[in-house]
Protein backbone atom coordinates (compact mmCIF):
# COMPACT_ATOMS: atom_id res chain seq x y z
CA UNK A 1 133.32 57.55 31.50
CA UNK A 2 134.19 60.90 32.23
CA UNK A 3 130.95 62.08 30.64
CA UNK A 4 129.11 59.66 33.06
CA UNK A 5 130.71 60.46 36.11
CA UNK A 6 130.17 63.80 35.78
CA UNK A 7 126.30 63.91 34.91
CA UNK A 8 126.13 61.70 38.29
CA UNK A 9 128.19 64.56 40.58
CA UNK A 10 125.63 67.22 38.82
CA UNK A 11 122.68 65.03 39.93
CA UNK A 12 124.10 64.18 43.53
CA UNK A 13 124.25 68.07 43.76
CA UNK A 14 121.03 68.80 42.76
CA UNK A 15 119.79 66.24 45.37
CA UNK A 16 121.24 67.58 48.08
CA UNK A 17 121.13 71.16 47.31
CA UNK A 18 117.86 71.72 49.30
CA UNK A 19 119.09 69.73 52.15
CA UNK A 20 122.01 72.59 52.28
CA UNK A 21 120.13 74.93 52.53
CA UNK A 22 118.22 73.96 56.28
CA UNK A 23 114.85 73.27 55.06
CA UNK A 24 113.74 76.05 53.60
CA UNK A 25 110.91 76.47 51.91
CA UNK A 26 109.54 78.06 48.55
CA UNK A 27 107.29 80.89 48.38
CA UNK A 28 105.11 82.06 45.47
CA UNK A 29 107.04 85.38 45.67
CA UNK A 30 110.15 83.24 45.03
CA UNK A 31 111.54 83.78 48.64
CA UNK A 32 113.04 81.44 50.28
CA UNK A 33 112.52 81.46 54.56
CA UNK A 34 113.97 78.78 57.29
CA UNK A 35 111.48 77.07 59.53
CA UNK A 36 113.07 78.01 62.36
CA UNK A 37 113.90 81.73 61.31
CA UNK A 38 110.01 81.85 61.03
CA UNK A 39 109.22 80.48 64.75
CA UNK A 40 112.19 81.93 66.33
CA UNK A 41 110.78 85.75 65.17
CA UNK A 42 107.16 84.79 66.44
CA UNK A 43 107.88 83.37 69.73
CA UNK A 44 110.50 86.34 69.95
CA UNK A 45 107.10 88.74 69.11
CA UNK A 46 105.66 87.14 71.92
CA UNK A 47 107.38 86.94 74.83
CA UNK A 48 110.36 89.40 73.78
CA UNK A 49 112.60 86.20 73.70
CA UNK A 50 113.19 82.76 72.77
CA UNK A 51 111.97 79.68 74.65
CA UNK A 52 112.98 76.61 75.38
CA UNK A 53 110.51 74.20 73.59
CA UNK A 54 111.61 71.00 75.87
CA UNK A 55 110.39 73.00 78.64
CA UNK A 56 107.03 74.07 76.80
CA UNK A 57 106.38 70.90 76.21
CA UNK A 58 107.37 68.51 79.81
CA UNK A 59 105.05 71.77 81.76
CA UNK A 60 101.37 70.33 80.84
CA UNK A 61 99.48 69.15 83.79
CA UNK A 62 96.77 68.21 81.62
CA UNK A 63 98.92 65.54 79.84
CA UNK A 64 100.38 64.17 82.71
CA UNK A 65 97.14 63.79 84.18
CA UNK A 66 95.51 61.85 81.02
CA UNK A 67 98.80 59.94 81.03
CA UNK A 68 97.84 58.20 84.94
CA UNK A 69 94.91 57.74 84.13
CA UNK A 70 96.00 55.72 81.20
CA UNK A 71 98.59 54.45 83.51
CA UNK A 72 96.18 53.39 86.34
CA UNK A 73 93.39 51.73 83.35
CA UNK A 74 90.19 53.91 84.69
CA UNK A 75 88.77 53.97 81.87
CA UNK A 76 88.80 49.73 81.25
CA UNK A 77 87.47 48.93 84.44
CA UNK A 78 83.64 49.61 86.32
CA UNK A 79 84.93 50.96 89.42
CA UNK A 80 81.31 50.87 91.34
CA UNK A 81 82.24 47.49 92.09
CA UNK A 82 84.42 45.91 94.78
CA UNK A 83 87.77 44.49 93.46
CA UNK A 84 87.12 40.83 93.39
CA UNK A 85 83.34 40.98 93.08
CA UNK A 86 81.59 37.43 93.29
CA UNK A 87 84.23 36.26 95.52
CA UNK A 88 85.64 36.18 98.61
CA UNK A 89 85.55 39.13 100.72
CA UNK A 90 88.40 41.87 100.35
CA UNK A 91 90.45 42.59 103.77
CA UNK A 92 90.48 46.39 104.49
CA UNK A 93 92.71 47.10 107.23
CA UNK A 94 92.19 50.26 109.19
CA UNK A 95 94.10 52.51 111.65
CA UNK A 96 93.23 55.54 113.88
CA UNK A 97 95.75 58.08 114.55
CA UNK A 98 94.04 60.14 116.87
CA UNK A 99 95.41 63.97 116.33
CA UNK A 100 93.27 65.80 119.51
CA UNK A 101 90.17 65.33 121.59
CA UNK A 102 88.39 68.38 121.28
CA UNK A 103 85.61 68.41 123.59
CA UNK A 104 83.85 66.07 126.43
CA UNK A 105 80.20 66.88 127.06
CA UNK A 106 78.75 65.34 129.88
CA UNK A 107 75.44 66.92 129.36
CA UNK A 108 75.02 65.71 125.56
CA UNK A 109 77.15 62.75 126.47
CA UNK A 110 79.46 62.41 123.65
CA UNK A 111 83.19 63.67 122.52
CA UNK A 112 84.29 65.34 119.83
CA UNK A 113 87.81 64.45 117.88
CA UNK A 114 90.10 65.12 115.43
CA UNK A 115 91.51 61.87 113.60
CA UNK A 116 93.27 60.39 110.92
CA UNK A 117 91.57 57.75 109.00
CA UNK A 118 93.81 55.36 107.39
CA UNK A 119 92.33 52.33 104.70
CA UNK A 120 94.89 49.79 103.06
CA UNK A 121 93.58 47.54 100.59
CA UNK A 122 94.56 45.85 97.50
CA UNK A 123 93.08 46.23 93.92
CA UNK A 124 94.86 44.47 91.15
CA UNK A 125 92.84 46.66 88.48
CA UNK A 126 94.91 49.93 89.81
CA UNK A 127 98.22 47.50 89.01
CA UNK A 128 100.25 49.58 86.67
CA UNK A 129 103.87 48.72 85.69
CA UNK A 130 107.14 50.63 86.48
CA UNK A 131 110.75 50.15 86.69
CA UNK A 132 112.11 51.89 89.78
CA UNK A 133 108.94 50.24 92.03
CA UNK A 134 108.03 54.17 93.44
CA UNK A 135 104.39 54.61 94.36
CA UNK A 136 102.52 57.01 92.89
CA UNK A 137 100.36 59.41 95.10
CA UNK A 138 97.14 61.46 94.20
CA UNK A 139 94.75 63.89 95.46
CA UNK A 140 91.01 63.47 96.02
CA UNK A 141 89.92 64.47 92.42
CA UNK A 142 90.85 60.48 91.63
CA UNK A 143 89.40 59.45 94.81
CA UNK A 144 85.72 59.48 93.27
CA UNK A 145 86.78 57.39 89.94
CA UNK A 146 88.19 54.42 91.81
CA UNK A 147 86.15 51.91 94.45
CA UNK A 148 87.27 53.03 98.16
CA UNK A 149 85.69 50.87 101.42
CA UNK A 150 82.33 52.05 102.36
CA UNK A 151 83.47 52.52 105.89
CA UNK A 152 81.05 54.45 108.35
CA UNK A 153 81.33 55.76 111.94
CA UNK A 154 78.29 54.30 114.37
CA UNK A 155 76.76 56.62 116.70
CA UNK A 156 77.86 59.77 114.80
CA UNK A 157 76.12 62.91 115.85
CA UNK A 158 78.43 65.16 113.11
CA UNK A 159 81.41 64.73 111.45
CA UNK A 160 82.95 66.46 108.44
CA UNK A 161 86.34 65.90 106.47
CA UNK A 162 88.54 68.98 106.50
CA UNK A 163 88.63 70.90 103.21
CA UNK A 164 91.37 73.84 103.99
CA UNK A 165 93.00 74.62 101.62
CA UNK A 166 91.94 71.68 99.94
CA UNK A 167 90.46 68.40 100.77
CA UNK A 168 92.32 66.79 103.36
CA UNK A 169 92.59 63.41 101.36
CA UNK A 170 95.49 61.26 100.68
CA UNK A 171 95.18 58.54 97.40
CA UNK A 172 98.44 56.21 97.40
CA UNK A 173 98.83 53.50 94.34
CA UNK A 174 101.78 51.05 94.29
CA UNK A 175 102.86 49.21 91.40
CA UNK A 176 101.50 45.75 92.84
CA UNK A 177 98.14 47.35 93.36
CA UNK A 178 98.29 48.35 96.76
CA UNK A 179 96.24 50.97 97.89
CA UNK A 180 96.31 53.53 100.80
CA UNK A 181 93.65 55.60 101.48
CA UNK A 182 94.33 58.63 104.25
CA UNK A 183 91.55 61.52 104.76
CA UNK A 184 91.50 63.69 108.17
CA UNK A 185 88.38 63.73 109.90
CA UNK A 186 86.67 65.30 112.87
CA UNK A 187 83.64 63.19 114.58
CA UNK A 188 81.29 63.98 117.51
CA UNK A 189 80.16 60.14 118.60
CA UNK A 190 78.04 59.27 121.41
CA UNK A 191 79.13 58.49 124.68
CA UNK A 192 77.00 56.32 127.15
CA UNK A 193 78.63 57.71 130.48
CA UNK A 194 77.91 56.57 133.90
CA UNK A 195 77.86 59.01 136.83
CA UNK A 196 77.00 57.12 139.70
CA UNK A 197 80.88 58.23 140.46
CA UNK A 198 80.70 61.62 139.41
CA UNK A 199 83.29 63.91 139.81
CA UNK A 200 85.24 60.25 140.87
CA UNK A 201 84.22 58.77 137.76
CA UNK A 202 86.11 56.68 134.92
CA UNK A 203 84.64 56.98 131.55
CA UNK A 204 84.72 53.88 128.57
CA UNK A 205 83.68 55.55 125.13
CA UNK A 206 84.62 53.93 121.90
CA UNK A 207 84.77 54.90 118.72
CA UNK A 208 82.99 52.45 116.51
CA UNK A 209 83.04 51.75 112.17
CA UNK A 210 81.23 49.39 110.48
CA UNK A 211 80.98 48.57 106.46
CA UNK A 212 77.73 47.69 105.34
CA UNK A 213 78.54 44.10 104.99
CA UNK A 214 80.59 43.31 107.57
CA UNK A 215 81.76 42.90 111.13
CA UNK A 216 82.06 46.53 113.29
CA UNK A 217 85.72 47.90 114.60
CA UNK A 218 85.52 49.48 118.15
CA UNK A 219 88.40 51.75 119.39
CA UNK A 220 88.27 51.87 122.94
CA UNK A 221 89.12 55.31 124.92
CA UNK A 222 89.55 55.43 128.98
CA UNK A 223 88.90 58.49 129.89
CA UNK A 224 89.56 59.58 133.78
CA UNK A 225 88.51 63.10 135.28
CA UNK A 226 90.93 65.24 137.14
CA UNK A 227 89.32 65.91 140.56
CA UNK A 228 91.22 68.97 141.29
CA UNK A 229 88.76 71.64 139.39
CA UNK A 230 85.81 70.08 141.15
CA UNK A 231 87.94 70.15 144.53
CA UNK A 232 88.19 74.00 144.08
CA UNK A 233 85.02 74.51 142.05
CA UNK A 234 82.84 72.63 144.62
CA UNK A 235 84.30 70.88 147.35
CA UNK A 236 86.39 73.26 149.16
CA UNK A 237 83.04 75.62 148.98
CA UNK A 238 81.71 73.65 150.18
CA UNK A 239 83.63 72.52 153.24
CA UNK A 240 83.57 76.15 154.27
CA UNK A 241 80.40 76.69 154.47
CA UNK A 242 79.62 73.59 156.79
CA UNK A 243 82.57 75.29 158.81
CA UNK A 244 81.07 78.41 158.23
CA UNK A 245 78.01 77.38 159.95
CA UNK A 246 79.39 76.46 163.15
CA UNK A 247 80.59 79.57 163.92
CA UNK A 248 77.09 80.30 165.06
CA UNK A 249 77.74 78.16 168.06
CA UNK A 250 80.58 80.17 169.70
CA UNK A 251 78.26 82.85 169.33
CA UNK A 252 75.86 84.39 172.35
CA UNK A 253 72.72 82.32 172.25
CA UNK A 254 71.14 86.14 173.27
CA UNK A 255 72.67 87.49 169.77
CA UNK A 256 69.32 86.00 167.95
CA UNK A 257 70.22 88.08 164.43
CA UNK A 258 73.91 87.43 164.48
CA UNK A 259 73.27 83.67 164.35
CA UNK A 260 70.08 83.98 162.39
CA UNK A 261 71.54 85.60 159.53
CA UNK A 262 74.84 83.31 159.19
CA UNK A 263 72.57 80.16 159.54
CA UNK A 264 70.49 81.45 156.82
CA UNK A 265 73.33 82.61 154.12
CA UNK A 266 75.02 79.14 154.32
CA UNK A 267 71.69 77.44 153.48
CA UNK A 268 71.29 79.92 150.96
CA UNK A 269 75.18 79.38 149.70
CA UNK A 270 75.06 75.48 150.04
CA UNK A 271 71.20 75.92 148.36
CA UNK A 272 73.43 77.84 145.08
CA UNK A 273 76.27 75.04 144.71
CA UNK A 274 73.75 72.79 144.52
CA UNK A 275 71.94 74.44 141.74
CA UNK A 276 74.67 75.36 139.87
CA UNK A 277 76.44 71.55 139.87
CA UNK A 278 72.70 70.49 139.02
CA UNK A 279 72.91 72.66 135.80
CA UNK A 280 75.80 71.85 134.38
CA UNK A 281 75.13 67.82 134.65
CA UNK A 282 72.64 65.94 132.70
CA UNK A 283 69.14 64.91 134.04
CA UNK A 284 70.00 60.94 135.22
CA UNK A 285 67.55 59.01 136.88
CA UNK A 286 69.97 58.26 139.60
CA UNK A 287 71.96 59.57 142.50
CA UNK A 288 75.71 60.70 142.01
CA UNK A 289 78.30 61.07 143.96
CA UNK A 290 78.61 64.58 143.99
CA UNK A 291 75.15 64.44 145.00
CA UNK A 292 75.52 62.60 148.43
CA UNK A 293 78.50 64.91 149.61
CA UNK A 294 76.42 68.03 148.58
CA UNK A 295 73.06 67.25 150.40
CA UNK A 296 74.75 65.84 153.17
CA UNK A 297 76.65 68.90 153.36
CA UNK A 298 73.55 70.85 153.46
CA UNK A 299 72.28 68.39 155.76
CA UNK A 300 74.78 69.86 158.43
CA UNK A 301 74.39 73.53 157.78
CA UNK A 302 70.54 72.94 158.33
CA UNK A 303 70.82 71.30 161.41
CA UNK A 304 73.16 73.79 162.47
CA UNK A 305 70.39 76.27 161.98
CA UNK A 306 68.05 73.70 163.70
CA UNK A 307 70.32 73.47 166.78
CA UNK A 308 69.93 77.57 167.14
CA UNK A 309 66.19 76.98 167.21
CA UNK A 310 66.25 74.42 170.03
CA UNK A 311 68.82 76.43 171.81
CA UNK A 312 66.64 79.34 171.87
CA UNK A 313 63.30 77.35 172.67
CA UNK A 314 65.03 75.68 175.94
CA UNK A 315 66.51 78.64 176.87
CA UNK A 316 63.31 80.51 176.89
CA UNK A 317 61.43 78.09 178.45
CA UNK A 318 64.25 77.88 181.40
CA UNK A 319 64.13 81.52 181.97
CA UNK A 320 59.94 81.20 181.98
CA UNK A 321 60.31 78.30 184.78
CA UNK A 322 62.91 80.47 186.74
CA UNK A 323 60.35 83.43 186.19
CA UNK A 324 57.62 82.27 187.54
CA UNK A 325 59.56 80.14 190.11
CA UNK A 326 60.91 83.39 191.32
CA UNK A 327 57.76 84.98 191.44
CA UNK A 328 56.12 82.36 193.55
CA UNK A 329 58.76 82.69 196.42
CA UNK A 330 59.28 86.49 195.75
CA UNK A 331 62.97 87.15 195.59
CA UNK A 332 62.24 88.68 191.82
CA UNK A 333 62.73 92.30 192.39
CA UNK A 334 59.67 94.82 190.95
CA UNK A 335 62.56 96.06 188.37
CA UNK A 336 63.12 92.40 186.68
CA UNK A 337 63.88 92.33 183.08
CA UNK A 338 63.48 88.97 180.61
CA UNK A 339 66.25 90.23 178.48
CA UNK A 340 69.34 90.11 180.80
CA UNK A 341 72.34 89.77 179.61
CA UNK A 342 74.51 86.67 179.91
CA UNK A 343 77.92 85.72 181.56
CA UNK A 344 80.60 84.56 179.08
CA UNK A 345 80.66 81.12 180.58
CA UNK A 346 77.67 80.59 178.45
CA UNK A 347 75.32 80.39 182.12
CA UNK A 348 71.98 82.47 182.85
CA UNK A 349 72.19 84.02 186.04
CA UNK A 350 69.11 86.00 187.32
CA UNK A 351 69.06 88.99 189.86
CA UNK A 352 68.02 86.76 192.86
CA UNK A 353 69.56 86.75 196.12
CA UNK A 354 71.75 84.23 196.26
CA UNK A 355 73.36 85.02 199.72
CA UNK A 356 73.43 81.75 201.94
CA UNK A 357 70.74 80.55 204.62
CA UNK A 358 70.96 80.93 208.42
CA UNK A 359 71.58 77.64 209.88
CA UNK A 360 68.23 75.91 211.35
CA UNK A 361 68.16 75.31 214.73
CA UNK A 362 67.82 71.97 215.88
CA UNK A 363 64.11 71.35 217.70
CA UNK A 364 62.04 68.17 218.26
CA UNK A 365 59.57 69.65 215.91
CA UNK A 366 62.22 69.52 213.03
CA UNK A 367 63.59 66.34 214.61
CA UNK A 368 60.05 64.47 213.95
CA UNK A 369 59.88 65.88 210.95
CA UNK A 370 62.53 64.13 209.60
CA UNK A 371 61.89 61.09 207.64
CA UNK A 372 62.67 57.72 209.09
CA UNK A 373 65.78 55.73 207.82
CA UNK A 374 65.34 52.17 207.20
CA UNK A 375 68.03 49.88 208.79
CA UNK A 376 70.20 49.39 206.11
CA UNK A 377 70.67 52.78 205.62
CA UNK A 378 71.10 52.97 209.13
CA UNK A 379 74.14 49.85 209.12
CA UNK A 380 75.97 51.64 206.03
CA UNK A 381 78.48 54.07 206.99
CA UNK A 382 78.41 57.86 206.55
CA UNK A 383 79.91 59.50 203.74
CA UNK A 384 83.30 60.94 204.89
CA UNK A 385 84.34 64.54 203.81
CA UNK A 386 85.85 64.69 200.74
CA UNK A 387 83.36 61.42 199.10
CA UNK A 388 81.34 62.01 196.02
CA UNK A 389 78.05 60.09 195.35
CA UNK A 390 77.39 58.72 192.34
CA UNK A 391 73.47 57.58 190.92
CA UNK A 392 72.72 56.42 187.43
CA UNK A 393 70.53 58.53 185.73
CA UNK A 394 67.60 58.24 182.88
CA UNK A 395 68.16 59.16 179.30
CA UNK A 396 64.99 60.72 179.97
CA UNK A 397 66.58 62.07 183.39
CA UNK A 398 69.81 63.40 180.69
CA UNK A 399 67.31 64.97 178.39
CA UNK A 400 65.98 66.81 180.59
CA UNK A 401 68.96 68.02 182.58
CA UNK A 402 70.01 69.32 178.92
CA UNK A 403 66.56 70.93 178.78
CA UNK A 404 67.17 72.71 181.63
CA UNK A 405 70.61 73.64 181.07
CA UNK A 406 70.47 75.09 177.32
CA UNK A 407 73.82 76.66 177.07
CA UNK A 408 75.08 73.36 177.58
CA UNK A 409 73.83 72.27 173.57
CA UNK A 410 76.41 74.74 172.18
CA UNK A 411 78.75 73.00 174.24
CA UNK A 412 78.04 69.69 172.82
CA UNK A 413 77.26 70.84 169.37
CA UNK A 414 80.87 72.52 169.35
CA UNK A 415 82.53 68.69 169.63
CA UNK A 416 79.70 66.74 168.04
CA UNK A 417 79.16 68.15 164.72
CA UNK A 418 83.20 68.60 163.70
CA UNK A 419 83.75 64.73 164.68
CA UNK A 420 80.71 63.48 162.80
CA UNK A 421 81.58 65.21 159.16
CA UNK A 422 85.06 64.17 159.98
CA UNK A 423 83.43 60.61 160.02
CA UNK A 424 81.70 61.53 156.78
CA UNK A 425 84.19 62.81 154.78
CA UNK A 426 86.45 59.78 155.84
CA UNK A 427 83.75 57.09 154.99
CA UNK A 428 83.08 59.75 151.44
CA UNK A 429 86.53 59.37 150.12
CA UNK A 430 87.58 55.43 151.02
CA UNK A 431 84.24 55.06 149.17
CA UNK A 432 84.85 56.98 146.51
CA UNK A 433 88.10 57.68 145.73
């Protein structure tokens, strides 16, 4: 028994001897070296120290990507087909978060905005098991391998996906197969605008999204224009030009260069304002509200120039009549000058002898020359001192009276023009504001 026990012990020692050496290997030359010592020396030679093998094993992006694709079973399905192909339609939810409205162009009739476009749908092929029920987020590389809704912008002129510093695309997959697909995009879309009330208008621009097999989605934007900018750029300068044209009504009608130059300046300025506004607007076939205001104001300025032309013409006719009448009576001196100065009251004064005539003596000849009176007129009592006689005058007579007294045209224009322009502004702003 003792011999057998001793032999068994020696056999156990022989079998356990290689394990006690720590997995040493026998080299051909009889030397033994441990594996961990060999690797440690190699690592120390390359990196100058030891390395954590667990960290090296987990820091593998390629292996994680392969695991994600294996987890989602990308290679097991044909993602060229939509989920549930051949069955009912897949409901796709869409929401839009507008980041900014970059520009609105009246000339091109379009608007540009940057937005986040998000899609929601469910694809059971991408469902994966998860112990903590957390989602997984991916970038644009995985988007190219799966099915996504074919949504596009209707009436889009230009659009692009932002790609700085990488494509602004996010894909989030939940364990039950629900998917969130978000993309940041800038789009320039057509907007059919109505400028009948420009610049006191409100525009309704819509961003339309559509898929190749289903209904269209409308996102309406109500755009109201701020009037203050156009008040400073268009309306206030126009009002000032119209009021500046009225200054000529207070200038001496003999100052031809002053009144003509003032009228021409205001007309040219109004033409410049109209041209500038028309250049910044699209060429439409209907009349805009700003056109009505500008052309009406231009008409007031033009009429002020015509008013002075009428005043100058009637003044010349009046002077010629007085000159002929004075020449016939012989009361004009030999040094008569037609370009005489004017009084401050606006009336023209000829150098005519205005001394009172001597009282004519009553003679039988003058009595016989007096026209006979009617019996009805004889029966009426004679007017007493201080009584004014009124007689209704016709319109033609009044016009002749004004034409013979041309200075009165300026006096009436000082009141009529401002009142008419004020009435026009009241009607205009009540109609369009």
